[in-house]
Amino acid sequence: MHKGLLILCALAYAVTVRASYLEEIRVHSDAMNKDIPVMMIFPDAYKKDAETRYPAVYALHGAGGDHKRYAYPESPLLKLVDQYGVIVVCPDGAKTSWWLDSPVDPTMKYETFVIKELVPHTDKSFRTLARREKRGVTGGSMGGHGACYLALRNKQVFGVVGNIYGGVDLRPFPDKWDLSKRLGTIQEHPENWERHSVITLAKELKNGELSLVTMIGNKDFFLGVNRALHQLLADHGVEHYYIEAQGAHTREFSVEAFPVMFRFINTYFTEGRGHL
């Protein structure tokens, strides 16, 4: 098997006792002139020791979601923060921002918000380990696109990426999920669709610049674009992990996938290289 490339069909993860806690905050965006809600998920140890600093994982929701998307009672993230000793940051992405700065709508500047406003605010306000080697980003669907997009464009901020069934090429979906409101129509602005798609950005990625894992179901409507991204990275000699498992574009699939994402991210935090 090629080093760094992995295909799995069945996955399991250990269940831990949940003792994490949530805090909802507001972070002001000068770029958009509004306050953005953010759900913070802390490990239980955070409130017991006032000195220890923690790695941070930014978890980006999909289209139609909000900052509470990963904070439901049975969310795997509530267990994973304790299992791996990390802080999880869940910002609101305005339903269909696609986590980018829209070239046609100046009110939508979510790349600027995350990179230039949210990350500095988090590092200033909470006990994070404020460097890229201790900072990861993950998410599902639109959030999977956002995780890859933000990391590829801001490698000085994030060192590790976990992509769950992300929309990593926007061009095949011109009439979906408000994409034309963010990028203009594909007929009038094809260049916007090209340069804001992860698969285009990935052409410039060099081996070792990011640790990346993708997990997607074999019945997912984003399967084709994720396979294409996997093949592009493999052809360019970029080490990464690609996991194609049984499943579709569902919450149940993400519940299975998040423990894999966090295991991979944790190995990057502890060893300097993400692996499974």
Foldseek 3Di string as FASTA:
>chain_A
DPFQEDADADDDDDFDDFDKDKDWDWFADPQQGGTWIKIKIAGNVCVVDVPDAAFEEEEEEAAQDFRCPQVPPPRVVRRLCNVQVHMYMRITQPRQLLQDCFPQDSNRHRLCCVPVTVLVVCVVPGRHPQFQLRYAYEYEASRLCNRLQSCLVCLRRHAEYEHELYLQQCVVPQPDRCPCVRHNGCVVGVVSSQVSHSLNSLLPDDAPSHEYEYEYEPAEPSVVVVVVSVVSCVVRVHRYYYYYYHDYRDPVVVSRRVVVRSQQSSCCSVPVHGDD
